[in-house]
N, C-alpha and C. Protein backbone atom coordinates (compact mmCIF):
# COMPACT_ATOMS: atom_id res chain seq x y z
N UNK A 1 32.39 1.11 -17.36
CA UNK A 1 32.56 -0.17 -16.73
C UNK A 1 31.40 -1.11 -17.06
N UNK A 2 30.16 -0.61 -16.96
CA UNK A 2 29.01 -1.47 -17.20
C UNK A 2 28.81 -1.79 -18.68
N UNK A 3 29.37 -1.01 -19.58
CA UNK A 3 29.17 -1.29 -20.99
C UNK A 3 29.95 -2.52 -21.44
N UNK A 4 30.88 -3.02 -20.66
CA UNK A 4 31.67 -4.19 -21.02
C UNK A 4 31.07 -5.50 -20.51
N UNK A 5 29.93 -5.46 -19.85
CA UNK A 5 29.35 -6.67 -19.26
C UNK A 5 28.83 -7.61 -20.35
N UNK A 6 27.98 -7.14 -21.22
CA UNK A 6 27.42 -7.99 -22.26
C UNK A 6 26.28 -8.85 -21.75
N UNK A 7 25.66 -9.57 -22.65
CA UNK A 7 24.51 -10.39 -22.32
C UNK A 7 24.89 -11.57 -21.41
N UNK A 8 25.96 -12.32 -21.71
CA UNK A 8 26.29 -13.45 -20.81
C UNK A 8 26.61 -13.00 -19.38
N UNK A 9 27.28 -11.88 -19.23
CA UNK A 9 27.58 -11.37 -17.90
C UNK A 9 26.34 -10.93 -17.17
N UNK A 10 25.41 -10.32 -17.89
CA UNK A 10 24.15 -9.89 -17.29
C UNK A 10 23.33 -11.09 -16.83
N UNK A 11 23.29 -12.13 -17.65
CA UNK A 11 22.57 -13.35 -17.27
C UNK A 11 23.21 -13.97 -16.02
N UNK A 12 24.52 -13.99 -15.96
CA UNK A 12 25.22 -14.54 -14.79
C UNK A 12 24.88 -13.74 -13.54
N UNK A 13 24.87 -12.43 -13.65
CA UNK A 13 24.52 -11.58 -12.50
C UNK A 13 23.10 -11.86 -12.04
N UNK A 14 22.16 -11.98 -12.98
CA UNK A 14 20.77 -12.26 -12.63
C UNK A 14 20.61 -13.62 -11.97
N UNK A 15 21.32 -14.62 -12.44
CA UNK A 15 21.25 -15.96 -11.85
C UNK A 15 21.81 -15.93 -10.42
N UNK A 16 22.92 -15.24 -10.23
CA UNK A 16 23.49 -15.13 -8.88
C UNK A 16 22.54 -14.40 -7.94
N UNK A 17 21.92 -13.32 -8.44
CA UNK A 17 20.95 -12.59 -7.61
C UNK A 17 19.76 -13.47 -7.27
N UNK A 18 19.32 -14.29 -8.22
CA UNK A 18 18.21 -15.21 -7.96
C UNK A 18 18.57 -16.24 -6.90
N UNK A 19 19.79 -16.73 -6.94
CA UNK A 19 20.24 -17.71 -5.95
C UNK A 19 20.37 -17.07 -4.57
N UNK A 20 20.92 -15.86 -4.51
CA UNK A 20 21.15 -15.20 -3.22
C UNK A 20 19.85 -14.74 -2.58
N UNK A 21 19.01 -14.04 -3.34
CA UNK A 21 17.82 -13.42 -2.76
C UNK A 21 16.57 -14.26 -2.87
N UNK A 22 16.52 -15.18 -3.80
CA UNK A 22 15.33 -16.00 -3.98
C UNK A 22 14.31 -15.31 -4.86
N UNK A 23 13.40 -16.08 -5.43
CA UNK A 23 12.44 -15.52 -6.39
C UNK A 23 11.42 -14.57 -5.76
N UNK A 24 11.16 -14.69 -4.48
CA UNK A 24 10.14 -13.83 -3.86
C UNK A 24 10.66 -12.42 -3.59
N UNK A 25 11.95 -12.26 -3.41
CA UNK A 25 12.52 -10.95 -3.09
C UNK A 25 12.89 -10.14 -4.34
N UNK A 26 13.09 -10.80 -5.48
CA UNK A 26 13.55 -10.09 -6.66
C UNK A 26 12.60 -8.98 -7.13
N UNK A 27 11.26 -9.20 -7.17
CA UNK A 27 10.39 -8.09 -7.58
C UNK A 27 10.49 -6.88 -6.63
N UNK A 28 10.61 -7.15 -5.35
CA UNK A 28 10.74 -6.07 -4.37
C UNK A 28 12.05 -5.30 -4.59
N UNK A 29 13.12 -6.01 -4.83
CA UNK A 29 14.41 -5.37 -5.09
C UNK A 29 14.35 -4.57 -6.39
N UNK A 30 13.69 -5.13 -7.39
CA UNK A 30 13.55 -4.42 -8.67
C UNK A 30 12.76 -3.13 -8.52
N UNK A 31 11.68 -3.17 -7.75
CA UNK A 31 10.89 -1.94 -7.52
C UNK A 31 11.70 -0.90 -6.78
N UNK A 32 12.45 -1.33 -5.76
CA UNK A 32 13.28 -0.40 -5.00
C UNK A 32 14.35 0.22 -5.89
N UNK A 33 14.96 -0.59 -6.74
CA UNK A 33 15.98 -0.08 -7.65
C UNK A 33 15.37 0.89 -8.65
N UNK A 34 14.19 0.56 -9.16
CA UNK A 34 13.50 1.43 -10.12
C UNK A 34 13.12 2.77 -9.51
N UNK A 35 12.60 2.76 -8.30
CA UNK A 35 12.23 4.02 -7.66
C UNK A 35 13.46 4.85 -7.31
N UNK A 36 14.55 4.19 -6.95
CA UNK A 36 15.80 4.91 -6.69
C UNK A 36 16.32 5.56 -7.95
N UNK A 37 16.28 4.83 -9.06
CA UNK A 37 16.73 5.37 -10.33
C UNK A 37 15.84 6.53 -10.79
N UNK A 38 14.54 6.41 -10.58
CA UNK A 38 13.59 7.47 -10.93
C UNK A 38 13.88 8.74 -10.13
N UNK A 39 14.12 8.60 -8.85
CA UNK A 39 14.42 9.74 -7.99
C UNK A 39 15.75 10.38 -8.38
N UNK A 40 16.74 9.56 -8.73
CA UNK A 40 18.03 10.09 -9.16
C UNK A 40 17.89 10.90 -10.44
N UNK A 41 17.13 10.38 -11.41
CA UNK A 41 16.91 11.10 -12.67
C UNK A 41 16.18 12.42 -12.42
N UNK A 42 15.19 12.39 -11.53
CA UNK A 42 14.43 13.61 -11.23
C UNK A 42 15.33 14.66 -10.59
N UNK A 43 16.17 14.24 -9.66
CA UNK A 43 17.09 15.17 -9.01
C UNK A 43 18.10 15.74 -9.99
N UNK A 44 18.60 14.89 -10.87
CA UNK A 44 19.55 15.35 -11.88
C UNK A 44 18.89 16.36 -12.81
N UNK A 45 17.67 16.06 -13.23
CA UNK A 45 16.93 16.97 -14.11
C UNK A 45 16.71 18.33 -13.42
N UNK A 46 16.37 18.30 -12.12
CA UNK A 46 16.16 19.53 -11.38
C UNK A 46 17.45 20.34 -11.29
N UNK A 47 18.57 19.68 -11.04
CA UNK A 47 19.85 20.39 -10.97
C UNK A 47 20.22 21.03 -12.29
N UNK A 48 20.00 20.31 -13.38
CA UNK A 48 20.31 20.86 -14.70
C UNK A 48 19.41 22.04 -15.02
N UNK A 49 18.13 21.94 -14.69
CA UNK A 49 17.22 23.05 -14.97
C UNK A 49 17.55 24.26 -14.11
N UNK A 50 17.98 24.04 -12.86
CA UNK A 50 18.39 25.16 -12.01
C UNK A 50 19.61 25.87 -12.59
N UNK A 51 20.57 25.09 -13.09
CA UNK A 51 21.75 25.67 -13.71
C UNK A 51 21.38 26.45 -14.96
N UNK A 52 20.46 25.93 -15.77
CA UNK A 52 20.04 26.62 -16.98
C UNK A 52 19.33 27.92 -16.65
N UNK A 53 18.52 27.92 -15.58
CA UNK A 53 17.83 29.14 -15.18
C UNK A 53 18.82 30.21 -14.74
N UNK A 54 19.88 29.81 -14.03
CA UNK A 54 20.88 30.78 -13.59
C UNK A 54 21.65 31.35 -14.77
N UNK A 55 21.83 30.57 -15.81
CA UNK A 55 22.51 31.05 -17.01
C UNK A 55 21.60 32.01 -17.76
N UNK A 56 20.30 31.74 -17.77
CA UNK A 56 19.34 32.57 -18.48
C UNK A 56 19.12 33.91 -17.78
N UNK A 57 19.17 33.96 -16.46
CA UNK A 57 18.91 35.20 -15.73
C UNK A 57 19.86 36.32 -16.11
N UNK A 58 21.18 36.09 -16.16
CA UNK A 58 22.08 37.18 -16.57
C UNK A 58 21.82 37.62 -18.01
N UNK A 59 21.46 36.71 -18.87
CA UNK A 59 21.18 37.07 -20.26
C UNK A 59 19.96 37.98 -20.33
N UNK A 60 18.92 37.72 -19.53
CA UNK A 60 17.74 38.56 -19.53
C UNK A 60 18.06 39.94 -18.97
N UNK A 61 18.91 40.01 -17.93
CA UNK A 61 19.31 41.29 -17.36
C UNK A 61 20.09 42.11 -18.38
N UNK A 62 20.96 41.45 -19.16
CA UNK A 62 21.73 42.16 -20.17
C UNK A 62 20.82 42.74 -21.23
N UNK A 63 19.77 42.04 -21.61
CA UNK A 63 18.83 42.54 -22.61
C UNK A 63 18.07 43.75 -22.08
N UNK A 64 17.71 43.75 -20.80
CA UNK A 64 16.96 44.88 -20.25
C UNK A 64 17.86 46.09 -20.06
N UNK A 65 19.15 45.88 -19.84
CA UNK A 65 20.07 46.99 -19.67
C UNK A 65 20.43 47.65 -21.00
N UNK A 66 20.41 46.91 -22.07
CA UNK A 66 20.82 47.43 -23.37
C UNK A 66 19.80 48.32 -24.00
C-alpha cells in the first residue's frame, strides 16, 4: 500500500501534517515515531533470533545422538 504513494503523495502528507500539528510538534512526533519503529525492529529481531535458536537446538541434539 505504501509503495504506491510516491514523492508527490509524500509531500502532500507532510504538508497536511504540518498544517494539523504545527511546526513545533513535528520534531516531537518524528522522535516518537522513530523510537516506536526502533522498538518494533528490535522486537522483530528478537523473535526471529528466538525462532532460529529453537531450530538450531534440535539439530545440535541430533548431532550428539549420532
